[in-house]
Amino acid sequence: MDFSFSSIMSGFVFGVIGFWMMKQGKSRSNPLTIVIGIALIAYPYFISNIFLDWGIGIALCVLAYLKW
């Protein structure tokens, strides 16, 4: 597992966004938002490439924005 500064920062940033998405999905009864929030929280633990780390996080945020 790679613990570079970039992976730690992406995990923190997307973890906070994912927690907020889960909270909003629960309050609005939107299961897709809850799933995207869980994915944002969990995926940084399994990805070690910096570009994939940020790319997947941004893609999930864009998906959440489009489905909002």
C-alpha atoms as a PDB file:
ATOM      1  CA  MET A   1       0.000   0.000   0.000  1.00  0.00           C
ATOM      2  CA  ASP A   2       1.347   3.406  -0.989  1.00  0.00           C
ATOM      3  CA  PHE A   3       1.066   6.170   1.591  1.00  0.00           C
ATOM      4  CA  SER A   4       2.251   9.163  -0.383  1.00  0.00           C
ATOM      5  CA  PHE A   5       1.100  12.662   0.465  1.00  0.00           C
ATOM      6  CA  SER A   6      -1.159  12.656  -2.594  1.00  0.00           C
ATOM      7  CA  SER A   7      -2.920   9.439  -1.607  1.00  0.00           C
ATOM      8  CA  ILE A   8      -3.451  10.689   1.932  1.00  0.00           C
ATOM      9  CA  MET A   9      -4.847  14.008   0.678  1.00  0.00           C
ATOM     10  CA  SER A  10      -7.149  12.367  -1.870  1.00  0.00           C
ATOM     11  CA  GLY A  11      -8.388   9.967   0.791  1.00  0.00           C
ATOM     12  CA  PHE A  12      -9.137  12.863   3.124  1.00  0.00           C
ATOM     13  CA  VAL A  13     -10.763  15.098   0.492  1.00  0.00           C
ATOM     14  CA  PHE A  14     -12.911  12.410  -1.085  1.00  0.00           C
ATOM     15  CA  GLY A  15     -13.673  10.856   2.295  1.00  0.00           C
ATOM     16  CA  VAL A  16     -15.151  14.130   3.534  1.00  0.00           C
ATOM     17  CA  ILE A  17     -17.116  14.567   0.303  1.00  0.00           C
ATOM     18  CA  GLY A  18     -18.288  10.941   0.503  1.00  0.00           C
ATOM     19  CA  PHE A  19     -19.427  11.360   4.097  1.00  0.00           C
ATOM     20  CA  TRP A  20     -21.401  14.453   3.108  1.00  0.00           C
ATOM     21  CA  MET A  21     -22.904  12.615   0.109  1.00  0.00           C
ATOM     22  CA  MET A  22     -23.966   9.717   2.341  1.00  0.00           C
ATOM     23  CA  LYS A  23     -25.577  12.114   4.792  1.00  0.00           C
ATOM     24  CA  GLN A  24     -27.437  13.961   2.029  1.00  0.00           C
ATOM     25  CA  GLY A  25     -28.536  10.704   0.385  1.00  0.00           C
ATOM     26  CA  LYS A  26     -29.921   9.438   3.667  1.00  0.00           C
ATOM     27  CA  SER A  27     -31.832  12.638   4.388  1.00  0.00           C
ATOM     28  CA  ARG A  28     -33.255  12.753   0.830  1.00  0.00           C
ATOM     29  CA  SER A  29     -33.887   8.979   0.652  1.00  0.00           C
ATOM     30  CA  ASN A  30     -31.707   8.668  -2.463  1.00  0.00           C
ATOM     31  CA  PRO A  31     -29.930   5.288  -2.549  1.00  0.00           C
ATOM     32  CA  LEU A  32     -27.684   6.214  -5.510  1.00  0.00           C
ATOM     33  CA  THR A  33     -26.225   9.124  -3.558  1.00  0.00           C
ATOM     34  CA  ILE A  34     -25.574   6.842  -0.600  1.00  0.00           C
ATOM     35  CA  VAL A  35     -23.766   4.324  -2.831  1.00  0.00           C
ATOM     36  CA  ILE A  36     -21.633   7.056  -4.430  1.00  0.00           C
ATOM     37  CA  GLY A  37     -20.790   8.371  -0.956  1.00  0.00           C
ATOM     38  CA  ILE A  38     -19.689   4.927   0.207  1.00  0.00           C
ATOM     39  CA  ALA A  39     -17.624   4.498  -2.961  1.00  0.00           C
ATOM     40  CA  LEU A  40     -15.925   7.864  -2.374  1.00  0.00           C
ATOM     41  CA  ILE A  41     -15.034   6.864   1.160  1.00  0.00           C
ATOM     42  CA  ALA A  42     -13.790   3.363   0.339  1.00  0.00           C
ATOM     43  CA  TYR A  43     -11.992   3.476  -3.014  1.00  0.00           C
ATOM     44  CA  PRO A  44      -8.800   5.354  -1.938  1.00  0.00           C
ATOM     45  CA  TYR A  45      -7.823   2.360   0.197  1.00  0.00           C
ATOM     46  CA  PHE A  46      -7.629   0.109  -2.878  1.00  0.00           C
ATOM     47  CA  ILE A  47      -5.987   2.403  -5.470  1.00  0.00           C
ATOM     48  CA  SER A  48      -2.260   3.165  -5.324  1.00  0.00           C
ATOM     49  CA  ASN A  49      -1.779   5.099  -8.579  1.00  0.00           C
ATOM     50  CA  ILE A  50      -1.910   8.877  -8.047  1.00  0.00           C
ATOM     51  CA  PHE A  51      -3.637   9.635 -11.340  1.00  0.00           C
ATOM     52  CA  LEU A  52      -6.238   6.896 -10.872  1.00  0.00           C
ATOM     53  CA  ASP A  53      -6.783   8.023  -7.310  1.00  0.00           C
ATOM     54  CA  TRP A  54      -7.678  11.580  -8.256  1.00  0.00           C
ATOM     55  CA  GLY A  55      -9.331  10.589 -11.551  1.00  0.00           C
ATOM     56  CA  ILE A  56     -11.758   8.126  -9.990  1.00  0.00           C
ATOM     57  CA  GLY A  57     -12.588  10.564  -7.197  1.00  0.00           C
ATOM     58  CA  ILE A  58     -13.310  13.396  -9.606  1.00  0.00           C
ATOM     59  CA  ALA A  59     -15.342  11.057 -11.846  1.00  0.00           C
ATOM     60  CA  LEU A  60     -17.459   9.928  -8.887  1.00  0.00           C
ATOM     61  CA  CYS A  61     -18.004  13.550  -7.841  1.00  0.00           C
ATOM     62  CA  VAL A  62     -19.078  14.472 -11.382  1.00  0.00           C
ATOM     63  CA  LEU A  63     -21.428  11.470 -11.458  1.00  0.00           C
ATOM     64  CA  ALA A  64     -22.935  12.549  -8.146  1.00  0.00           C
ATOM     65  CA  TYR A  65     -23.353  16.104  -9.438  1.00  0.00           C
ATOM     66  CA  LEU A  66     -25.071  14.917 -12.624  1.00  0.00           C
ATOM     67  CA  LYS A  67     -27.410  12.586 -10.714  1.00  0.00           C
ATOM     68  CA  TRP A  68     -28.204  15.155  -8.024  1.00  0.00           C
END
